[in-house]
Protein backbone atom coordinates (compact mmCIF):
# COMPACT_ATOMS: atom_id res chain seq x y z
CA MET A 1 94.06 102.35 28.10
CA ASN A 2 96.51 99.49 27.36
CA LYS A 3 96.51 96.71 29.98
CA LYS A 4 97.89 93.24 30.35
CA PRO A 5 95.95 90.59 28.47
CA ASN A 6 92.98 88.87 30.13
CA ILE A 7 93.46 85.15 30.65
CA VAL A 8 90.75 82.42 30.10
CA LEU A 9 91.83 79.01 31.21
CA PHE A 10 89.33 76.37 30.19
CA ILE A 11 90.03 72.91 31.68
CA THR A 12 88.21 69.67 31.13
CA HIS A 13 88.21 66.37 32.97
CA ASP A 14 89.88 63.22 31.56
CA GLN A 15 90.39 64.37 27.94
CA GLY A 16 93.98 63.31 27.34
CA GLN A 17 94.97 64.47 23.84
CA TYR A 18 91.66 63.72 22.21
CA ALA A 19 90.61 66.46 19.87
CA GLY A 20 90.59 66.57 16.02
CA CYS A 21 93.76 68.61 15.82
CA TYR A 22 95.65 65.91 17.72
CA ASP A 23 94.81 63.14 15.27
CA SER A 24 98.40 62.81 14.14
CA GLU A 25 99.54 62.21 17.75
CA VAL A 26 96.59 60.18 18.86
CA PRO A 27 94.57 58.79 15.88
CA ASN A 28 90.94 59.95 16.21
CA SER A 29 88.00 61.02 14.08
CA LEU A 30 86.64 63.72 16.31
CA ASN A 31 84.78 66.62 14.94
CA THR A 32 86.03 69.57 17.01
CA PRO A 33 86.23 72.62 14.70
CA ASN A 34 86.23 75.15 17.48
CA ILE A 35 89.03 73.48 19.56
CA ASP A 36 90.87 72.99 16.31
CA LYS A 37 90.61 76.70 15.58
CA ILE A 38 92.58 77.44 18.70
CA ALA A 39 95.38 75.26 17.28
CA GLN A 40 95.02 76.69 13.79
CA GLU A 41 95.22 80.35 15.02
CA GLY A 42 97.30 79.84 18.20
CA VAL A 43 99.91 77.22 19.36
CA GLN A 44 99.48 73.45 19.79
CA PHE A 45 101.69 71.60 22.23
CA THR A 46 102.09 67.89 21.25
CA ASN A 47 104.39 66.61 24.01
CA TYR A 48 102.63 68.07 27.00
CA PHE A 49 102.47 65.78 30.04
CA CYS A 50 100.70 65.92 33.38
CA THR A 51 102.55 65.10 36.70
CA ALA A 52 99.93 62.60 37.74
CA PRO A 53 97.28 60.55 35.80
CA GLN A 54 94.57 61.63 38.20
CA CYS A 55 92.41 64.67 38.62
CA SER A 56 93.25 66.26 41.96
CA PRO A 57 97.06 65.62 42.05
CA SER A 58 97.48 66.80 38.42
CA ARG A 59 95.42 70.00 38.97
CA SER A 60 97.43 70.77 42.01
CA SER A 61 100.58 70.86 39.86
CA ILE A 62 98.96 73.27 37.42
CA LYS A 63 98.03 75.56 40.28
CA THR A 64 101.31 75.48 42.22
CA SER A 65 104.03 74.32 39.71
CA LEU A 66 105.00 71.68 42.30
CA TYR A 67 104.75 67.88 42.17
CA PRO A 68 101.83 66.35 44.15
CA HIS A 69 104.17 64.93 46.73
CA GLN A 70 105.56 68.48 47.29
CA ASN A 71 102.35 70.40 47.56
CA GLY A 72 100.73 67.59 49.63
CA LEU A 73 97.80 66.60 47.29
CA MET A 74 98.50 62.91 46.64
CA GLY A 75 94.93 61.77 46.44
CA LEU A 76 91.45 62.77 45.29
CA VAL A 77 89.60 65.73 46.81
CA ASN A 78 86.33 63.85 46.51
CA LEU A 79 87.82 61.04 48.64
CA GLY A 80 88.92 63.41 51.31
CA TRP A 81 92.33 64.73 50.29
CA SER A 82 92.97 68.51 50.20
CA MET A 83 95.90 70.68 49.18
CA PRO A 84 97.36 72.37 52.31
CA GLU A 85 96.78 76.15 52.49
CA ASP A 86 100.41 77.05 52.70
CA ASN A 87 100.75 76.47 48.94
CA LYS A 88 100.96 79.56 46.72
CA THR A 89 98.64 79.23 43.74
CA LEU A 90 98.35 80.56 40.21
CA PRO A 91 95.54 82.98 41.21
CA MET A 92 97.74 84.31 44.00
CA TYR A 93 100.71 84.83 41.62
CA LEU A 94 98.41 86.62 39.04
CA LYS A 95 96.89 88.89 41.71
CA GLU A 96 100.39 90.07 42.54
CA ASN A 97 100.78 90.99 38.91
CA GLY A 98 97.65 93.18 38.73
CA TYR A 99 95.02 90.63 37.88
CA THR A 100 91.50 90.01 39.30
CA THR A 101 91.04 86.20 39.64
CA HIS A 102 87.91 84.21 39.27
CA LEU A 103 86.65 80.61 39.33
CA LEU A 104 83.65 79.48 37.31
CA GLY A 105 82.69 75.82 38.02
CA LEU A 106 84.88 72.85 38.88
CA GLN A 107 87.99 72.84 40.97
CA HIS A 108 89.48 69.68 42.45
CA GLU A 109 92.30 70.85 44.59
CA VAL A 110 90.87 71.75 48.04
CA HIS A 111 87.75 71.22 50.19
CA ASP A 112 87.13 75.01 50.36
CA ALA A 113 87.58 76.85 47.14
CA ASN A 114 87.83 80.10 49.03
CA THR A 115 91.41 79.11 50.04
CA LEU A 116 92.74 78.99 46.48
CA GLY A 117 93.23 82.78 46.15
CA TYR A 118 90.37 83.71 43.80
CA ASP A 119 88.61 87.03 44.14
CA THR A 120 85.25 85.45 43.23
CA ILE A 121 84.09 81.90 42.86
CA SER A 122 80.87 80.68 41.40
CA LYS A 123 78.19 79.08 43.56
CA ARG A 124 79.33 75.75 44.95
CA GLY A 125 77.30 72.58 44.45
CA PRO A 126 77.58 68.90 43.35
CA GLU A 127 79.99 68.21 40.60
CA PHE A 128 77.24 67.55 38.04
CA LYS A 129 76.22 71.14 38.33
CA TYR A 130 79.51 72.23 36.87
CA SER A 131 78.62 70.82 33.40
CA ARG A 132 79.15 73.20 30.53
CA ALA A 133 75.39 72.91 29.77
CA ARG A 134 74.49 74.22 33.15
CA MET A 135 77.30 76.80 33.33
CA GLU A 136 77.49 78.26 29.80
CA ARG A 137 75.24 81.21 30.44
CA LYS A 138 77.36 82.10 33.47
CA TYR A 139 80.52 82.02 31.36
CA LEU A 140 79.01 84.52 28.94
CA LYS A 141 77.62 86.69 31.63
CA PHE A 142 80.97 86.89 33.40
CA LEU A 143 82.79 87.90 30.13
CA SER A 144 80.14 90.53 29.48
CA GLU A 145 80.29 92.03 32.96
CA HIS A 146 84.10 92.15 32.94
CA LYS A 147 84.89 93.20 29.38
CA ASP A 148 85.50 96.89 30.42
CA ASP A 149 87.39 96.18 33.69
CA GLU A 150 90.23 98.52 34.48
CA LYS A 151 92.32 95.50 35.59
CA PRO A 152 92.85 92.43 33.45
CA PHE A 153 91.04 89.29 34.63
CA PHE A 154 92.02 85.68 34.98
CA VAL A 155 89.06 83.24 34.88
CA ASN A 156 89.46 79.51 35.44
CA ILE A 157 86.58 77.64 33.79
CA GLY A 158 86.30 74.05 35.03
CA THR A 159 83.84 71.52 33.61
CA ILE A 160 82.76 68.05 34.69
CA GLU A 161 83.01 66.90 31.05
CA VAL A 162 84.41 64.63 29.70
CA HIS A 163 84.28 62.53 32.91
CA ARG A 164 82.10 59.42 33.09
CA PRO A 165 79.16 58.73 33.06
CA TYR A 166 79.08 60.03 29.50
CA GLN A 167 75.34 59.64 29.14
CA ALA A 168 74.83 62.32 31.70
CA TRP A 169 76.37 65.03 29.50
CA ALA A 170 75.97 64.15 25.88
CA GLU A 171 74.59 61.75 23.27
CA PRO A 172 77.08 59.19 21.80
CA VAL A 173 78.26 59.45 18.23
CA ASP A 174 77.95 56.60 15.77
CA PRO A 175 80.28 53.82 17.10
CA ALA A 176 81.40 53.05 13.49
CA ARG A 177 83.00 56.59 13.52
CA VAL A 178 85.50 56.07 16.30
CA LYS A 179 89.09 55.06 16.11
CA VAL A 180 90.08 52.49 18.80
CA PRO A 181 93.51 53.27 20.39
CA PRO A 182 96.05 50.44 19.83
CA TYR A 183 96.15 49.39 23.48
CA LEU A 184 92.45 48.49 23.47
CA PRO A 185 90.76 45.70 21.50
CA ASP A 186 88.61 46.78 18.59
CA ILE A 187 85.39 45.15 19.68
CA ASP A 188 81.81 46.40 19.85
CA GLU A 189 81.87 47.07 23.66
CA ILE A 190 84.95 49.29 23.38
CA ARG A 191 83.57 51.08 20.30
CA GLU A 192 80.24 51.90 21.98
CA ASP A 193 82.09 53.12 25.10
CA LEU A 194 84.32 55.42 22.97
CA ALA A 195 81.27 56.69 21.15
CA GLY A 196 80.00 58.16 24.37
CA PHE A 197 83.45 59.68 25.01
CA TYR A 198 83.44 61.24 21.58
CA GLY A 199 79.97 62.68 22.13
CA ASN A 200 81.27 64.42 25.26
CA VAL A 201 84.26 65.94 23.67
CA GLU A 202 82.28 67.23 20.75
CA ILE A 203 79.62 68.88 22.99
CA VAL A 204 82.41 70.64 24.82
CA ASP A 205 83.67 71.90 21.46
CA GLN A 206 80.36 73.60 20.87
CA THR A 207 80.73 75.52 24.15
CA ILE A 208 84.30 76.54 23.16
CA GLY A 209 82.90 78.00 19.95
CA THR A 210 80.23 79.95 21.93
CA ILE A 211 82.82 81.44 24.27
CA TRP A 212 85.22 82.23 21.44
CA ASP A 213 82.42 84.10 19.46
CA HIS A 214 81.33 85.91 22.56
CA LEU A 215 84.90 87.14 23.27
CA ASP A 216 85.02 88.29 19.64
CA ASP A 217 81.62 89.97 19.85
CA LEU A 218 82.67 91.85 23.03
CA GLY A 219 85.82 93.06 21.33
CA ILE A 220 88.18 91.48 23.85
CA LEU A 221 89.35 88.39 21.94
CA GLU A 222 92.43 90.26 20.67
CA ASN A 223 93.55 91.00 24.16
CA THR A 224 92.88 87.64 25.76
CA ILE A 225 95.08 84.72 26.21
CA PHE A 226 92.84 81.67 25.63
CA ILE A 227 94.07 78.39 27.01
CA TYR A 228 92.46 74.97 26.50
CA THR A 229 93.82 72.05 28.53
CA THR A 230 92.80 69.03 30.59
CA ASP A 231 93.96 67.31 33.76
CA HIS A 232 95.25 63.94 32.57
CA GLY A 233 94.74 61.01 30.13
CA ILE A 234 91.50 59.51 28.94
CA PRO A 235 89.27 57.44 31.19
CA TYR A 236 90.19 54.02 29.78
CA PRO A 237 92.23 51.09 31.02
CA ARG A 238 95.92 51.46 30.51
CA ALA A 239 95.44 55.27 30.46
CA LYS A 240 93.93 57.05 33.46
CA CYS A 241 95.64 56.02 36.65
CA THR A 242 98.70 54.75 34.93
CA LEU A 243 102.11 56.25 34.05
CA TYR A 244 101.91 55.14 30.46
CA ASP A 245 101.66 57.90 27.86
CA PRO A 246 97.94 57.57 27.39
CA GLY A 247 97.56 58.46 31.07
CA LEU A 248 100.03 61.34 31.02
CA LYS A 249 99.86 63.11 27.69
CA THR A 250 97.48 66.00 27.73
CA ILE A 251 96.07 68.61 25.41
CA LEU A 252 97.42 72.19 25.61
CA LEU A 253 96.37 74.85 23.19
CA MET A 254 97.10 78.56 23.56
CA HIS A 255 95.98 81.58 21.54
CA TYR A 256 96.84 85.22 21.99
CA PRO A 257 96.84 87.61 19.00
CA GLY A 258 98.84 90.18 20.98
CA ALA A 259 102.01 88.06 20.77
CA GLU A 260 103.31 86.69 17.54
CA TYR A 261 104.82 83.70 19.27
CA LEU A 262 101.35 82.73 20.53
CA SER A 263 99.58 82.90 17.24
CA GLY A 264 99.81 81.67 13.66
CA GLY A 265 99.22 77.93 14.08
CA LYS A 266 102.55 76.92 15.53
CA VAL A 267 103.19 73.35 16.70
CA VAL A 268 105.56 72.80 19.65
CA LYS A 269 107.01 69.30 19.99
CA SER A 270 109.34 70.08 22.88
CA MET A 271 108.73 67.89 25.97
CA LEU A 272 106.86 69.86 28.56
CA SER A 273 105.09 69.22 31.87
CA ASN A 274 101.98 70.95 33.26
CA ILE A 275 104.13 72.33 36.10
CA ASP A 276 105.47 74.60 33.33
CA LEU A 277 102.22 76.36 32.74
CA LEU A 278 102.32 78.62 35.83
CA PRO A 279 105.77 80.02 35.23
CA SER A 280 105.04 80.47 31.59
CA LEU A 281 102.01 82.56 32.32
CA ILE A 282 103.87 84.66 34.92
CA ASP A 283 106.71 85.13 32.46
CA LEU A 284 104.15 86.09 29.70
CA VAL A 285 102.58 88.87 31.80
CA GLY A 286 105.89 90.24 32.93
CA GLY A 287 105.96 88.90 36.51
CA LYS A 288 108.55 87.43 38.74
CA ILE A 289 108.62 83.68 38.91
CA GLY A 290 108.75 82.44 42.47
CA GLU A 291 111.58 80.35 43.92
CA ARG A 292 109.45 77.54 45.28
CA ILE A 293 108.36 76.12 41.96
CA GLU A 294 109.59 73.10 39.90
CA GLY A 295 108.41 74.17 36.47
CA LYS A 296 110.20 76.30 33.92
CA SER A 297 108.78 78.96 31.52
CA PHE A 298 108.40 77.61 27.99
CA ILE A 299 108.26 81.12 26.57
CA PRO A 300 111.81 80.96 25.39
CA ILE A 301 110.83 77.96 23.23
CA LEU A 302 107.98 79.96 21.68
CA LYS A 303 110.31 82.82 20.95
CA GLY A 304 112.80 80.50 19.31
CA GLU A 305 115.48 81.14 21.90
CA LYS A 306 115.57 77.49 23.04
CA GLU A 307 114.60 74.13 21.61
CA GLU A 308 114.01 72.38 24.88
CA ILE A 309 113.67 73.26 28.56
CA HIS A 310 113.57 69.66 29.73
CA ASN A 311 115.33 66.56 28.52
CA LYS A 312 113.15 64.48 30.80
CA ILE A 313 109.86 64.70 32.68
CA TYR A 314 108.70 63.03 35.85
CA ALA A 315 105.33 61.64 36.93
CA GLU A 316 103.88 60.00 39.98
CA LYS A 317 100.84 58.39 41.47
CA THR A 318 100.18 57.63 45.16
CA TYR A 319 96.54 57.28 46.07
CA HIS A 320 93.45 56.89 43.99
CA GLU A 321 90.71 54.61 45.32
CA ILE A 322 93.62 52.40 46.49
CA TYR A 323 97.18 53.03 47.61
CA ASP A 324 99.19 52.34 44.51
CA PRO A 325 102.41 54.33 44.71
CA MET A 326 104.58 54.59 41.60
CA ARG A 327 107.07 57.01 40.18
CA GLY A 328 108.29 57.41 36.62
CA VAL A 329 110.81 59.31 34.43
CA ARG A 330 110.39 59.80 30.68
CA THR A 331 112.86 60.94 28.03
CA HIS A 332 112.14 61.41 24.38
CA LYS A 333 113.33 57.84 23.78
CA PHE A 334 112.71 55.81 26.99
CA LYS A 335 110.46 55.53 30.08
CA TYR A 336 111.27 53.91 33.42
CA ILE A 337 108.49 53.17 35.97
CA LYS A 338 109.05 51.99 39.47
CA ASN A 339 106.10 50.39 41.19
CA PHE A 340 106.30 50.50 45.04
CA LYS A 341 103.48 48.02 45.75
CA LYS A 342 102.73 44.60 44.36
CA LEU A 343 99.50 44.42 42.34
CA ASP A 344 97.80 41.26 41.13
CA SER A 345 96.85 42.95 37.85
CA LEU A 346 98.91 44.83 35.29
CA TYR A 347 97.42 48.20 36.23
CA GLN A 348 94.65 49.64 38.31
CA ILE A 349 91.31 50.29 36.63
CA PRO A 350 89.45 53.05 38.47
CA LYS A 351 85.93 52.39 39.75
CA ASP A 352 84.22 54.77 37.35
CA ILE A 353 85.75 52.89 34.40
CA MET A 354 84.89 49.49 35.89
CA MET A 355 81.25 50.43 35.75
CA ASP A 356 81.34 50.70 31.98
CA PRO A 357 82.14 48.24 29.16
CA SER A 358 85.79 49.07 28.73
CA GLY A 359 86.68 48.37 32.30
CA LYS A 360 84.78 45.13 32.37
CA VAL A 361 86.45 43.92 29.16
CA MET A 362 89.94 44.89 30.20
CA LYS A 363 89.70 43.64 33.78
CA GLU A 364 89.61 40.10 32.42
CA ARG A 365 92.60 40.81 30.18
CA SER A 366 94.89 42.34 32.74
CA GLN A 367 94.85 39.56 35.45
CA GLU A 368 98.55 38.93 35.89
CA PRO A 369 101.00 40.31 38.42
CA ARG A 370 102.55 43.65 37.59
CA ALA A 371 106.35 43.95 37.46
CA MET A 372 107.91 46.05 40.12
CA GLU A 373 109.98 47.85 37.50
CA GLU A 374 109.13 48.76 33.90
CA LEU A 375 111.37 50.00 31.06
CA TYR A 376 110.14 50.91 27.67
CA ASP A 377 111.85 51.84 24.35
CA LEU A 378 109.40 54.44 23.18
CA LYS A 379 110.81 54.69 19.62
CA ASN A 380 110.46 51.03 18.94
CA ASP A 381 107.53 50.41 21.26
CA PRO A 382 105.42 53.61 21.52
CA ASN A 383 102.46 51.72 23.03
CA GLU A 384 104.67 50.53 25.97
CA MET A 385 103.82 46.82 25.60
CA ASN A 386 107.37 45.26 25.83
CA ASN A 387 108.84 45.63 29.28
CA LEU A 388 112.66 45.55 28.79
CA ILE A 389 113.57 45.42 32.50
CA GLU A 390 115.31 42.00 32.08
CA ASN A 391 116.87 42.77 28.76
CA ALA A 392 120.65 43.00 29.13
CA ASP A 393 120.91 45.20 26.00
CA TYR A 394 119.29 48.00 28.01
CA SER A 395 121.23 47.67 31.22
CA ASP A 396 123.00 50.97 30.84
CA ILE A 397 119.71 52.86 30.14
CA LEU A 398 118.12 51.16 33.05
CA TYR A 399 120.94 52.19 35.39
CA GLU A 400 120.82 55.74 34.12
CA LEU A 401 117.05 56.15 34.53
CA ARG A 402 117.01 54.30 37.95
CA THR A 403 119.59 56.88 39.11
CA GLU A 404 117.71 59.83 37.55
CA LEU A 405 114.46 58.83 39.27
CA ASN A 406 116.07 58.24 42.61
CA ASP A 407 117.90 61.57 42.45
CA TRP A 408 114.62 63.39 41.56
CA MET A 409 112.87 61.76 44.52
CA ILE A 410 115.72 62.85 46.83
CA SER A 411 115.88 66.44 45.42
CA THR A 412 112.05 66.92 45.71
CA ASN A 413 111.92 65.38 49.18
CA ASP A 414 109.56 62.59 48.17
CA PRO A 415 108.09 61.01 51.33
CA LEU A 416 107.79 57.68 49.54
CA LEU A 417 111.61 57.29 50.14
CA LYS A 418 110.79 56.92 53.81
CA GLY A 419 108.23 54.16 53.39
CA LYS A 420 104.50 53.96 53.04
CA ILE A 421 102.69 57.31 52.70
CA GLU A 422 99.78 57.50 55.12
CA ASP A 423 96.32 58.28 53.96
CA GLU A 424 95.60 61.93 54.81
CA ARG A 425 92.07 62.10 53.68
CA HIS A 426 89.63 64.00 55.87
CA GLU A 427 85.88 64.01 56.29
CA MET A 428 84.15 65.89 53.48
CA LYS A 429 81.74 68.70 54.45
CA GLY A 430 79.71 70.66 51.90
CA HIS A 431 80.63 71.12 48.27
CA TYR A 432 84.00 72.12 46.91
């Protein structure tokens, strides 16, 4: 009996665009043959951005196709924030389209995973229990048990990797192997820290190979949409928790043999946001895209009907460990960031990074007041080092992007326009 394709969505923590197949976008020397295989046989998206450079807000956008300030999740679930229950989620949309929906492992959108719309959720526990090592047998068991289901299934597999502390999940690689990104100094402390990050990515790659082979052995790989993604940029200074590209650019790989436009090793360079994944999946399975969403289906790009669906993307940050509100707009050529709070350093370094060598090194190198506005020429300055906010040659671009950002904040009813956003965290009870 023909049925809609199953959907496996595998999402990691803090991976950015770090995989071997992304080495032309982000120079790296990662050994990830299984992740690369998804790109080689499916589709690789090279200009895919998250809405927020933090876990919970970004994941809320994947689940709702709304910006964090629209769905209400502007801080971290582990610090007490939770997405309001009146939001319609991806599992809910898929259930309307004939799917059973399931969660295996990590979610970071709500205090109570039962409110997200899944038919089943794996046993809840501390975050470390969602590591791929502890959960891998459950992934395989789930697939074996559901291979002959009458209805197609959607399963969201969430891992704790590649979140710090790296040593909890994998052994580091040889530090001499790593490639240090251009916004970090090439010194021993940074190399050793990156070696732990590489080790985490490569151990996840092994699990991807195990899942892929199991799907193939079960005979359901051909009728499964396999998606590999992450929530935001890598856990390093000037990446995670910032609106610079290393904080916003994320991996997205998709493979589905049942559709020519989702197979064959295609590379999509169109600028996309993670709010676009939900409407794209609903479009792909023949469903009706809801009205209360901000994203657009990128299926027309895959089919060759359009070259772009966005000429700009937007991003935001409100709360992490501190209140640090900022909003940004990015085109292919320029980026404008508006910071709504003075900071005595160039950017926030999250606490988990500060505990490791990269954070300690870069804290000393970022101790100067941050500008309230930032403008970057991405073609001439791809690492966003030269703030052009005072450069008269860019005054027209500055005016245009200031206006674009303000109009977006108005159209999306951003509460930041009314002043400080109050901390809405609640007391945590149990495990999410």
